[in-house]
Amino acid sequence: MRKNFLTSLVLVILLASAALVAQRGGRGGGGGKEQGRPSTSGSGQTGGYGTIDRTQDRDQTRDRDRLHSQATAQQRDRLRSCDQTMNQTRKQLKVLRQHASNPNFNSDEAQRQHEQLREQIRKLEQNREQLNAELTEDQRNATLEHNQNMAQIHERIQNRLREIDREFSDTTLNTSEIAEQARLMERDIKSYQKQLNEMGKTLELL
């Protein structure tokens, strides 16, 4: 009787141990399957980025088409007028710079060139203001940065022009200072012209 009891107890312990081992093995197998499962996060992210890129491309194309449809012949004429004025201003500055560097400097001739330069710069800013007045809200938003850059450059040009004005108002002309300010203004006008051309491209006017 006691022998049967011990035998039964041993069987119960063995069965319990086997069940516990099987349970742990099942959990381990499950963990193995989880670890062995191929990751799809990489492909999912790649697909997501591709979708974002395609959406951005569509948005940019739509924006370009909208700006193109809003561009007018009058705006193109205004942009060409601005560009022509800048070319004339650069030529005027070159003449003034060369004349101020000439040993045979003529103050009357320099004064005439100075007045012509002032008129060219006034006309340049007037053309830009007229062009901006003709832009739609979409066009203004699209060229905001260009306009801000041109406004900063125009302020530099005005400061240099005031320096030249001061020289011509003095009893003794400093021709080297006039030549230097004219050279710097040529550089500023070139930067101004670059911004205007970029603005024209953005607006589909070029």
Protein backbone atom coordinates (compact mmCIF):
# COMPACT_ATOMS: atom_id res chain seq x y z
CA MET A 1 0.00 0.00 0.00
CA ARG A 2 2.76 2.37 0.97
CA LYS A 3 4.66 1.35 -2.15
CA ASN A 4 1.67 2.18 -4.36
CA PHE A 5 1.33 5.56 -2.68
CA LEU A 6 4.97 6.43 -3.33
CA THR A 7 4.67 5.30 -6.94
CA SER A 8 1.62 7.52 -7.46
CA LEU A 9 3.36 10.48 -5.85
CA VAL A 10 6.37 10.08 -8.13
CA LEU A 11 4.10 9.96 -11.19
CA VAL A 12 2.29 13.13 -10.12
CA ILE A 13 5.60 14.97 -9.63
CA LEU A 14 6.88 13.80 -13.02
CA LEU A 15 3.69 14.88 -14.80
CA ALA A 16 3.75 18.29 -13.11
CA SER A 17 7.39 18.80 -14.08
CA ALA A 18 6.67 17.81 -17.70
CA ALA A 19 3.74 20.21 -17.87
CA LEU A 20 5.86 23.05 -16.49
CA VAL A 21 8.64 22.37 -19.00
CA ALA A 22 6.13 22.25 -21.87
CA GLN A 23 4.60 25.54 -20.75
CA ARG A 24 7.97 27.25 -20.63
CA GLY A 25 8.92 25.77 -23.96
CA GLY A 26 5.73 27.12 -25.51
CA ARG A 27 6.50 30.60 -24.27
CA GLY A 28 10.02 30.36 -25.58
CA GLY A 29 8.75 29.23 -28.94
CA GLY A 30 6.34 32.10 -29.06
CA GLY A 31 9.15 34.50 -28.29
CA GLY A 32 11.23 32.91 -31.01
CA LYS A 33 8.49 33.38 -33.52
CA GLU A 34 8.13 37.04 -32.52
CA GLN A 35 11.85 37.58 -32.88
CA GLY A 36 12.01 35.72 -36.14
CA ARG A 37 9.12 37.62 -37.68
CA PRO A 38 10.38 39.80 -40.58
CA SER A 39 10.15 43.54 -39.90
CA THR A 40 7.99 45.57 -42.22
CA SER A 41 8.75 48.93 -40.61
CA GLY A 42 11.47 49.72 -43.15
CA SER A 43 9.28 49.12 -46.18
CA GLY A 44 6.41 50.91 -44.52
CA GLN A 45 8.53 53.99 -43.88
CA THR A 46 9.92 53.94 -47.39
CA GLY A 47 6.45 53.81 -48.79
CA GLY A 48 5.42 56.66 -46.52
CA TYR A 49 8.29 58.89 -47.67
CA GLY A 50 7.53 58.08 -51.28
CA THR A 51 3.92 59.09 -50.78
CA ILE A 52 4.98 62.35 -49.14
CA ASP A 53 7.38 63.13 -52.00
CA ARG A 54 4.71 62.48 -54.61
CA THR A 55 2.27 64.68 -52.71
CA GLN A 56 4.81 67.51 -52.51
CA ASP A 57 5.54 67.20 -56.23
CA ARG A 58 1.83 67.44 -57.03
CA ASP A 59 1.49 70.48 -54.76
CA GLN A 60 4.44 72.25 -56.39
CA THR A 61 3.13 71.49 -59.87
CA ARG A 62 -0.29 72.81 -58.89
CA ASP A 63 1.26 75.99 -57.47
CA ARG A 64 3.30 76.57 -60.64
CA ASP A 65 0.25 76.05 -62.81
CA ARG A 66 -1.76 78.49 -60.71
CA LEU A 67 0.96 81.17 -60.86
CA HIS A 68 1.34 80.61 -64.60
CA SER A 69 -2.38 81.10 -65.13
CA GLN A 70 -2.26 84.37 -63.14
CA ALA A 71 0.68 85.84 -65.08
CA THR A 72 -0.37 88.64 -67.45
CA ALA A 73 1.19 90.32 -70.47
CA GLN A 74 1.21 93.60 -68.55
CA GLN A 75 3.25 92.03 -65.77
CA ARG A 76 5.76 90.69 -68.31
CA ASP A 77 6.06 94.15 -69.85
CA ARG A 78 6.56 95.65 -66.40
CA LEU A 79 9.28 93.13 -65.59
CA ARG A 80 11.07 93.87 -68.87
CA SER A 81 10.84 97.59 -68.10
CA CYS A 82 12.44 96.99 -64.70
CA ASP A 83 15.23 94.98 -66.28
CA GLN A 84 15.90 97.66 -68.91
CA THR A 85 16.00 100.36 -66.23
CA MET A 86 18.54 98.36 -64.24
CA ASN A 87 20.74 97.91 -67.31
CA GLN A 88 20.60 101.65 -67.94
CA THR A 89 21.39 102.36 -64.29
CA ARG A 90 24.43 100.10 -64.37
CA LYS A 91 25.69 101.83 -67.50
CA GLN A 92 25.13 105.22 -65.87
CA LEU A 93 27.07 104.13 -62.80
CA LYS A 94 29.93 102.86 -64.94
CA VAL A 95 30.15 106.19 -66.78
CA LEU A 96 30.11 108.13 -63.49
CA ARG A 97 32.74 105.86 -61.95
CA GLN A 98 35.05 106.17 -64.97
CA HIS A 99 34.56 109.93 -65.13
CA ALA A 100 35.30 110.34 -61.40
CA SER A 101 38.50 108.31 -61.89
CA ASN A 102 39.61 110.48 -64.82
CA PRO A 103 42.34 113.04 -64.06
CA ASN A 104 40.50 115.48 -66.36
CA PHE A 105 37.45 115.40 -64.12
CA ASN A 106 34.75 117.89 -65.11
CA SER A 107 32.47 118.79 -62.21
CA ASP A 108 29.67 120.07 -64.45
CA GLU A 109 29.62 116.86 -66.48
CA ALA A 110 29.76 114.79 -63.28
CA GLN A 111 26.84 116.75 -61.86
CA ARG A 112 24.80 116.00 -64.99
CA GLN A 113 25.59 112.29 -64.68
CA HIS A 114 24.69 112.44 -61.01
CA GLU A 115 21.26 113.85 -61.78
CA GLN A 116 20.68 111.19 -64.44
CA LEU A 117 21.64 108.51 -61.94
CA ARG A 118 19.16 109.82 -59.39
CA GLU A 119 16.41 109.71 -62.00
CA GLN A 120 17.29 106.13 -63.02
CA ILE A 121 17.16 104.90 -59.42
CA ARG A 122 13.85 106.68 -58.81
CA LYS A 123 12.45 105.07 -61.96
CA LEU A 124 13.77 101.65 -60.91
CA GLU A 125 11.92 101.68 -57.59
CA GLN A 126 8.80 103.08 -59.23
CA ASN A 127 8.73 100.20 -61.73
CA ARG A 128 9.09 97.63 -58.95
CA GLU A 129 6.26 99.22 -56.95
CA GLN A 130 4.03 99.22 -60.02
CA LEU A 131 4.81 95.56 -60.68
CA ASN A 132 3.98 94.65 -57.09
CA ALA A 133 0.73 96.58 -57.29
CA GLU A 134 -0.34 94.37 -60.21
CA LEU A 135 0.35 91.08 -58.42
CA THR A 136 -2.39 88.83 -57.07
CA GLU A 137 -2.32 87.64 -53.48
CA ASP A 138 -0.89 84.28 -54.55
CA GLN A 139 1.85 86.02 -56.51
CA ARG A 140 2.73 88.30 -53.60
CA ASN A 141 2.99 85.36 -51.23
CA ALA A 142 5.18 83.44 -53.68
CA THR A 143 7.61 86.36 -54.13
CA LEU A 144 7.65 87.69 -50.58
CA GLU A 145 11.28 86.73 -49.96
CA HIS A 146 12.46 88.25 -53.25
CA ASN A 147 10.67 91.50 -52.48
CA GLN A 148 12.15 91.66 -49.00
CA ASN A 149 15.63 91.12 -50.43
CA MET A 150 15.11 93.80 -53.06
CA ALA A 151 13.86 96.25 -50.45
CA GLN A 152 17.05 95.71 -48.42
CA ILE A 153 19.24 96.14 -51.50
CA HIS A 154 17.34 99.28 -52.49
CA GLU A 155 18.03 100.74 -49.04
CA ARG A 156 21.76 100.15 -49.57
CA ILE A 157 21.55 101.82 -52.96
CA GLN A 158 19.82 104.83 -51.44
CA ASN A 159 22.49 105.09 -48.74
CA ARG A 160 25.24 105.09 -51.36
CA LEU A 161 23.38 107.65 -53.42
CA ARG A 162 23.18 109.90 -50.35
CA GLU A 163 26.95 109.59 -49.97
CA ILE A 164 27.38 110.76 -53.56
CA ASP A 165 24.88 113.58 -52.95
CA ARG A 166 26.95 114.67 -49.97
CA GLU A 167 30.09 114.80 -52.08
CA PHE A 168 28.43 116.94 -54.73
CA SER A 169 27.08 119.29 -52.09
CA ASP A 170 30.54 119.81 -50.64
CA THR A 171 32.73 122.66 -51.86
CA THR A 172 35.55 120.22 -52.58
CA LEU A 173 34.62 117.07 -54.48
CA ASN A 174 36.21 113.82 -53.37
CA THR A 175 36.30 112.08 -56.74
CA SER A 176 37.78 108.85 -55.35
CA GLU A 177 34.84 108.55 -52.93
CA ILE A 178 32.36 109.15 -55.77
CA ALA A 179 34.07 106.44 -57.85
CA GLU A 180 34.01 104.00 -54.92
CA GLN A 181 30.33 104.58 -54.14
CA ALA A 182 29.48 104.17 -57.83
CA ARG A 183 31.38 100.85 -57.90
CA LEU A 184 29.50 99.59 -54.85
CA MET A 185 26.19 100.67 -56.35
CA GLU A 186 26.98 98.74 -59.53
CA ARG A 187 27.40 95.63 -57.36
CA ASP A 188 24.12 96.31 -55.55
CA ILE A 189 22.23 96.87 -58.80
CA LYS A 190 23.55 93.52 -60.06
CA SER A 191 22.23 91.80 -56.92
CA TYR A 192 18.93 93.64 -57.30
CA GLN A 193 18.65 92.48 -60.90
CA LYS A 194 19.34 88.88 -59.90
CA GLN A 195 16.51 88.99 -57.34
CA LEU A 196 14.14 90.48 -59.90
CA ASN A 197 14.96 87.76 -62.42
CA GLU A 198 14.36 85.06 -59.79
CA MET A 199 11.06 86.74 -59.00
CA GLY A 200 10.14 86.65 -62.68
CA LYS A 201 10.91 82.94 -62.87
CA THR A 202 8.84 82.23 -59.78
CA LEU A 203 5.88 84.09 -61.30
CA GLU A 204 6.30 82.27 -64.63
CA LEU A 205 6.92 85.64 -66.31
CA LEU A 206 10.23 84.59 -67.89
